[in-house]
Amino acid sequence: MVKNTDQARKKSLQNRKKKHDERLQKLYRYIRDHTKSDLSKLSKVLRIPIGSVVNLIEELLSNNLITEQYLIKNGRSQRYFYPLSSEDGIYENVEHVTILTHIKKNQI
């Protein structure tokens, strides 16, 4: 019984990691192809909960794959996200190996 539980936990962890990586790649592709994206639009278009989008955005920002800009719209400050080009050195010092490898090989 314990062996099956450990296997189930391991498989569950692998599935969550796979889903996370898929969402991260999906988000990066969208930002790359549709510049000036905001959080609510990203959440709605990609059908990812806004809390998850925020976490994924923070990961992309910390890995220098995207940049953000705050703009005033209708009297309110709003965050917009833009991709960085490969000429900007976005592949240096990136911790998330899975997406980095995928980006380098397939140029998502």
N, C-alpha and C. Protein backbone atom coordinates (compact mmCIF):
# COMPACT_ATOMS: atom_id res chain seq x y z
N MET A 1 0.83 -1.20 0.00
CA MET A 1 0.00 0.00 0.00
C MET A 1 0.87 1.26 0.00
N VAL A 2 1.90 1.26 0.82
CA VAL A 2 2.77 2.44 0.89
C VAL A 2 3.47 2.66 -0.44
N LYS A 3 3.88 1.58 -1.09
CA LYS A 3 4.56 1.68 -2.37
C LYS A 3 3.65 2.33 -3.42
N ASN A 4 2.40 1.90 -3.46
CA ASN A 4 1.44 2.48 -4.40
C ASN A 4 1.19 3.95 -4.12
N THR A 5 1.14 4.33 -2.84
CA THR A 5 0.93 5.72 -2.46
C THR A 5 2.11 6.57 -2.91
N ASP A 6 3.31 6.08 -2.72
CA ASP A 6 4.50 6.82 -3.16
C ASP A 6 4.52 6.98 -4.67
N GLN A 7 4.13 5.92 -5.38
CA GLN A 7 4.09 5.99 -6.83
C GLN A 7 3.03 6.99 -7.30
N ALA A 8 1.88 6.97 -6.63
CA ALA A 8 0.81 7.90 -6.98
C ALA A 8 1.23 9.35 -6.74
N ARG A 9 1.91 9.59 -5.63
CA ARG A 9 2.40 10.95 -5.34
C ARG A 9 3.41 11.40 -6.38
N LYS A 10 4.31 10.50 -6.75
CA LYS A 10 5.33 10.83 -7.73
C LYS A 10 4.67 11.15 -9.08
N LYS A 11 3.71 10.34 -9.48
CA LYS A 11 3.01 10.57 -10.74
C LYS A 11 2.22 11.87 -10.71
N SER A 12 1.58 12.15 -9.58
CA SER A 12 0.83 13.40 -9.43
C SER A 12 1.76 14.60 -9.54
N LEU A 13 2.91 14.53 -8.92
CA LEU A 13 3.90 15.61 -8.99
C LEU A 13 4.37 15.81 -10.43
N GLN A 14 4.61 14.71 -11.14
CA GLN A 14 5.03 14.80 -12.53
C GLN A 14 3.95 15.45 -13.39
N ASN A 15 2.69 15.09 -13.14
CA ASN A 15 1.58 15.66 -13.90
C ASN A 15 1.44 17.16 -13.64
N ARG A 16 1.60 17.57 -12.37
CA ARG A 16 1.52 19.00 -12.05
C ARG A 16 2.65 19.77 -12.70
N LYS A 17 3.85 19.20 -12.69
CA LYS A 17 5.01 19.84 -13.31
C LYS A 17 4.78 19.98 -14.81
N LYS A 18 4.24 18.93 -15.44
CA LYS A 18 3.97 18.97 -16.88
C LYS A 18 2.94 20.05 -17.21
N LYS A 19 1.87 20.11 -16.41
CA LYS A 19 0.82 21.12 -16.64
C LYS A 19 1.39 22.53 -16.46
N HIS A 20 2.22 22.70 -15.44
CA HIS A 20 2.86 24.00 -15.19
C HIS A 20 3.71 24.41 -16.39
N ASP A 21 4.52 23.48 -16.89
CA ASP A 21 5.39 23.78 -18.02
C ASP A 21 4.59 24.11 -19.27
N GLU A 22 3.49 23.37 -19.49
CA GLU A 22 2.65 23.64 -20.65
C GLU A 22 2.02 25.03 -20.57
N ARG A 23 1.54 25.38 -19.38
CA ARG A 23 0.94 26.71 -19.19
C ARG A 23 1.98 27.81 -19.38
N LEU A 24 3.18 27.57 -18.87
CA LEU A 24 4.26 28.56 -18.98
C LEU A 24 4.61 28.80 -20.45
N GLN A 25 4.72 27.74 -21.21
CA GLN A 25 5.04 27.86 -22.62
C GLN A 25 3.90 28.53 -23.39
N LYS A 26 2.68 28.16 -23.06
CA LYS A 26 1.50 28.76 -23.70
C LYS A 26 1.45 30.27 -23.43
N LEU A 27 1.71 30.65 -22.20
CA LEU A 27 1.71 32.06 -21.81
C LEU A 27 2.82 32.82 -22.53
N TYR A 28 4.01 32.25 -22.55
CA TYR A 28 5.14 32.90 -23.21
C TYR A 28 4.85 33.10 -24.71
N ARG A 29 4.34 32.06 -25.35
CA ARG A 29 4.01 32.16 -26.78
C ARG A 29 3.01 33.28 -27.04
N TYR A 30 1.99 33.35 -26.19
CA TYR A 30 0.96 34.37 -26.40
C TYR A 30 1.55 35.77 -26.25
N ILE A 31 2.34 35.98 -25.21
CA ILE A 31 2.96 37.29 -24.99
C ILE A 31 3.89 37.63 -26.15
N ARG A 32 4.62 36.65 -26.63
CA ARG A 32 5.52 36.88 -27.76
C ARG A 32 4.75 37.28 -29.02
N ASP A 33 3.62 36.62 -29.25
CA ASP A 33 2.86 36.86 -30.47
C ASP A 33 1.88 38.03 -30.37
N HIS A 34 1.51 38.41 -29.17
CA HIS A 34 0.54 39.49 -28.95
C HIS A 34 1.11 40.47 -27.93
N THR A 35 1.93 41.38 -28.39
CA THR A 35 2.55 42.33 -27.47
C THR A 35 1.49 43.17 -26.79
N LYS A 36 1.88 43.76 -25.69
CA LYS A 36 1.02 44.60 -24.87
C LYS A 36 -0.20 43.82 -24.35
N SER A 37 0.09 42.75 -23.62
CA SER A 37 -0.95 41.93 -23.02
C SER A 37 -1.07 42.27 -21.54
N ASP A 38 -2.30 42.33 -21.04
CA ASP A 38 -2.48 42.56 -19.61
C ASP A 38 -2.99 41.29 -18.93
N LEU A 39 -3.00 41.28 -17.60
CA LEU A 39 -3.34 40.08 -16.83
C LEU A 39 -4.72 39.53 -17.15
N SER A 40 -5.73 40.39 -17.15
CA SER A 40 -7.09 39.89 -17.36
C SER A 40 -7.26 39.31 -18.76
N LYS A 41 -6.65 39.94 -19.75
CA LYS A 41 -6.73 39.43 -21.12
C LYS A 41 -6.03 38.08 -21.22
N LEU A 42 -4.86 37.97 -20.62
CA LEU A 42 -4.12 36.71 -20.64
C LEU A 42 -4.93 35.59 -20.00
N SER A 43 -5.52 35.88 -18.86
CA SER A 43 -6.31 34.88 -18.14
C SER A 43 -7.50 34.43 -18.98
N LYS A 44 -8.18 35.38 -19.57
CA LYS A 44 -9.39 35.09 -20.34
C LYS A 44 -9.07 34.31 -21.63
N VAL A 45 -8.09 34.79 -22.39
CA VAL A 45 -7.76 34.18 -23.67
C VAL A 45 -7.17 32.78 -23.49
N LEU A 46 -6.30 32.62 -22.51
CA LEU A 46 -5.62 31.35 -22.32
C LEU A 46 -6.39 30.38 -21.43
N ARG A 47 -7.47 30.87 -20.84
CA ARG A 47 -8.30 30.06 -19.94
C ARG A 47 -7.49 29.47 -18.79
N ILE A 48 -6.72 30.36 -18.18
CA ILE A 48 -5.93 30.01 -17.00
C ILE A 48 -6.38 30.94 -15.88
N PRO A 49 -6.61 30.42 -14.67
CA PRO A 49 -7.04 31.29 -13.58
C PRO A 49 -6.04 32.44 -13.37
N ILE A 50 -6.57 33.60 -13.04
CA ILE A 50 -5.73 34.81 -12.94
C ILE A 50 -4.62 34.64 -11.90
N GLY A 51 -4.89 33.94 -10.81
CA GLY A 51 -3.85 33.69 -9.81
C GLY A 51 -2.68 32.90 -10.39
N SER A 52 -3.00 31.92 -11.22
CA SER A 52 -1.95 31.13 -11.88
C SER A 52 -1.19 31.97 -12.89
N VAL A 53 -1.92 32.84 -13.61
CA VAL A 53 -1.27 33.73 -14.57
C VAL A 53 -0.27 34.63 -13.85
N VAL A 54 -0.67 35.17 -12.71
CA VAL A 54 0.23 36.04 -11.93
C VAL A 54 1.50 35.28 -11.56
N ASN A 55 1.37 34.05 -11.08
CA ASN A 55 2.55 33.26 -10.69
C ASN A 55 3.43 32.95 -11.89
N LEU A 56 2.82 32.60 -13.02
CA LEU A 56 3.59 32.30 -14.22
C LEU A 56 4.30 33.55 -14.75
N ILE A 57 3.61 34.69 -14.71
CA ILE A 57 4.21 35.96 -15.14
C ILE A 57 5.43 36.27 -14.28
N GLU A 58 5.29 36.11 -12.98
CA GLU A 58 6.41 36.38 -12.08
C GLU A 58 7.61 35.48 -12.41
N GLU A 59 7.33 34.24 -12.77
CA GLU A 59 8.40 33.32 -13.15
C GLU A 59 9.08 33.78 -14.45
N LEU A 60 8.30 34.17 -15.43
CA LEU A 60 8.87 34.66 -16.69
C LEU A 60 9.66 35.95 -16.47
N LEU A 61 9.15 36.83 -15.61
CA LEU A 61 9.87 38.08 -15.30
C LEU A 61 11.19 37.79 -14.60
N SER A 62 11.17 36.89 -13.63
CA SER A 62 12.39 36.60 -12.88
C SER A 62 13.44 35.91 -13.74
N ASN A 63 12.99 35.22 -14.79
CA ASN A 63 13.92 34.56 -15.71
C ASN A 63 14.28 35.43 -16.90
N ASN A 64 13.85 36.70 -16.87
CA ASN A 64 14.17 37.67 -17.92
C ASN A 64 13.71 37.23 -19.31
N LEU A 65 12.55 36.60 -19.38
CA LEU A 65 11.99 36.21 -20.66
C LEU A 65 11.01 37.26 -21.18
N ILE A 66 10.45 38.05 -20.26
CA ILE A 66 9.52 39.12 -20.63
C ILE A 66 9.85 40.35 -19.79
N THR A 67 9.25 41.44 -20.17
CA THR A 67 9.37 42.67 -19.39
C THR A 67 7.97 43.22 -19.16
N GLU A 68 7.84 44.10 -18.19
CA GLU A 68 6.54 44.68 -17.89
C GLU A 68 6.62 46.19 -17.91
N GLN A 69 5.45 46.80 -18.12
CA GLN A 69 5.36 48.25 -18.11
C GLN A 69 4.02 48.62 -17.50
N TYR A 70 4.04 49.62 -16.65
CA TYR A 70 2.80 50.13 -16.06
C TYR A 70 2.33 51.34 -16.86
N LEU A 71 1.09 51.29 -17.33
CA LEU A 71 0.52 52.40 -18.08
C LEU A 71 -0.79 52.82 -17.43
N ILE A 72 -1.10 54.10 -17.53
CA ILE A 72 -2.36 54.62 -17.00
C ILE A 72 -3.44 54.46 -18.08
N LYS A 73 -4.51 53.78 -17.73
CA LYS A 73 -5.62 53.58 -18.67
C LYS A 73 -6.91 53.87 -17.90
N ASN A 74 -7.68 54.82 -18.39
CA ASN A 74 -8.93 55.22 -17.74
C ASN A 74 -8.70 55.60 -16.27
N GLY A 75 -7.60 56.28 -16.01
CA GLY A 75 -7.31 56.74 -14.67
C GLY A 75 -6.76 55.66 -13.73
N ARG A 76 -6.52 54.47 -14.25
CA ARG A 76 -6.01 53.37 -13.43
C ARG A 76 -4.71 52.85 -14.01
N SER A 77 -3.82 52.45 -13.12
CA SER A 77 -2.55 51.87 -13.55
C SER A 77 -2.77 50.41 -13.94
N GLN A 78 -2.21 50.02 -15.08
CA GLN A 78 -2.37 48.65 -15.54
C GLN A 78 -1.03 48.10 -15.99
N ARG A 79 -0.77 46.81 -15.67
CA ARG A 79 0.48 46.16 -16.07
C ARG A 79 0.33 45.54 -17.45
N TYR A 80 1.30 45.84 -18.31
CA TYR A 80 1.34 45.22 -19.63
C TYR A 80 2.65 44.47 -19.76
N PHE A 81 2.64 43.38 -20.53
CA PHE A 81 3.80 42.51 -20.65
C PHE A 81 4.25 42.42 -22.10
N TYR A 82 5.57 42.44 -22.27
CA TYR A 82 6.18 42.42 -23.59
C TYR A 82 7.29 41.37 -23.60
N PRO A 83 7.50 40.70 -24.74
CA PRO A 83 8.60 39.73 -24.81
C PRO A 83 9.94 40.45 -24.98
N LEU A 84 11.00 39.80 -24.56
CA LEU A 84 12.33 40.29 -24.83
C LEU A 84 12.87 39.51 -26.01
N SER A 85 13.66 40.12 -26.85
CA SER A 85 14.21 39.41 -28.00
C SER A 85 15.44 38.62 -27.59
N SER A 86 15.81 37.66 -28.39
CA SER A 86 16.99 36.84 -28.08
C SER A 86 18.26 37.68 -28.12
N GLU A 87 18.24 38.78 -28.84
CA GLU A 87 19.41 39.66 -28.89
C GLU A 87 19.64 40.34 -27.53
N ASP A 88 18.59 40.39 -26.70
CA ASP A 88 18.71 41.02 -25.39
C ASP A 88 19.37 40.09 -24.37
N GLY A 89 19.73 38.89 -24.79
CA GLY A 89 20.38 37.96 -23.88
C GLY A 89 19.42 37.29 -22.92
N ILE A 90 18.21 36.98 -23.37
CA ILE A 90 17.23 36.41 -22.45
C ILE A 90 17.57 34.99 -22.03
N TYR A 91 18.51 34.35 -22.73
CA TYR A 91 18.81 32.97 -22.40
C TYR A 91 19.92 32.84 -21.36
N GLU A 92 20.47 33.94 -20.93
CA GLU A 92 21.53 33.90 -19.93
C GLU A 92 20.92 33.89 -18.53
N ASN A 93 21.48 33.07 -17.67
CA ASN A 93 21.09 32.99 -16.26
C ASN A 93 19.62 32.65 -16.05
N VAL A 94 19.05 31.85 -16.92
CA VAL A 94 17.66 31.44 -16.76
C VAL A 94 17.63 30.15 -15.97
N GLU A 95 16.85 30.14 -14.90
CA GLU A 95 16.81 28.98 -14.02
C GLU A 95 15.85 27.90 -14.51
N HIS A 96 14.81 28.27 -15.22
CA HIS A 96 13.80 27.29 -15.62
C HIS A 96 14.28 26.56 -16.87
N VAL A 97 14.95 25.43 -16.66
CA VAL A 97 15.63 24.71 -17.73
C VAL A 97 14.64 24.18 -18.77
N THR A 98 13.48 23.71 -18.37
CA THR A 98 12.54 23.11 -19.30
C THR A 98 12.13 24.08 -20.39
N ILE A 99 11.65 25.25 -20.00
CA ILE A 99 11.20 26.23 -21.01
C ILE A 99 12.39 26.80 -21.77
N LEU A 100 13.51 26.98 -21.11
CA LEU A 100 14.70 27.50 -21.78
C LEU A 100 15.12 26.56 -22.90
N THR A 101 15.19 25.27 -22.61
CA THR A 101 15.58 24.30 -23.62
C THR A 101 14.60 24.29 -24.77
N HIS A 102 13.32 24.35 -24.45
CA HIS A 102 12.29 24.33 -25.48
C HIS A 102 12.38 25.58 -26.36
N ILE A 103 12.62 26.71 -25.75
CA ILE A 103 12.72 27.95 -26.51
C ILE A 103 13.93 27.91 -27.42
N LYS A 104 15.05 27.44 -26.92
CA LYS A 104 16.26 27.42 -27.73
C LYS A 104 16.13 26.45 -28.90
N LYS A 105 15.54 25.28 -28.65
CA LYS A 105 15.45 24.26 -29.71
C LYS A 105 14.36 24.56 -30.71
N ASN A 106 13.20 24.97 -30.24
CA ASN A 106 12.05 25.11 -31.12
C ASN A 106 11.67 26.54 -31.43
N GLN A 107 12.29 27.48 -30.77
CA GLN A 107 11.96 28.88 -30.95
C GLN A 107 10.45 29.10 -30.92
N ILE A 108 9.85 28.74 -29.78
CA ILE A 108 8.40 28.85 -29.62
C ILE A 108 7.96 30.15 -30.08
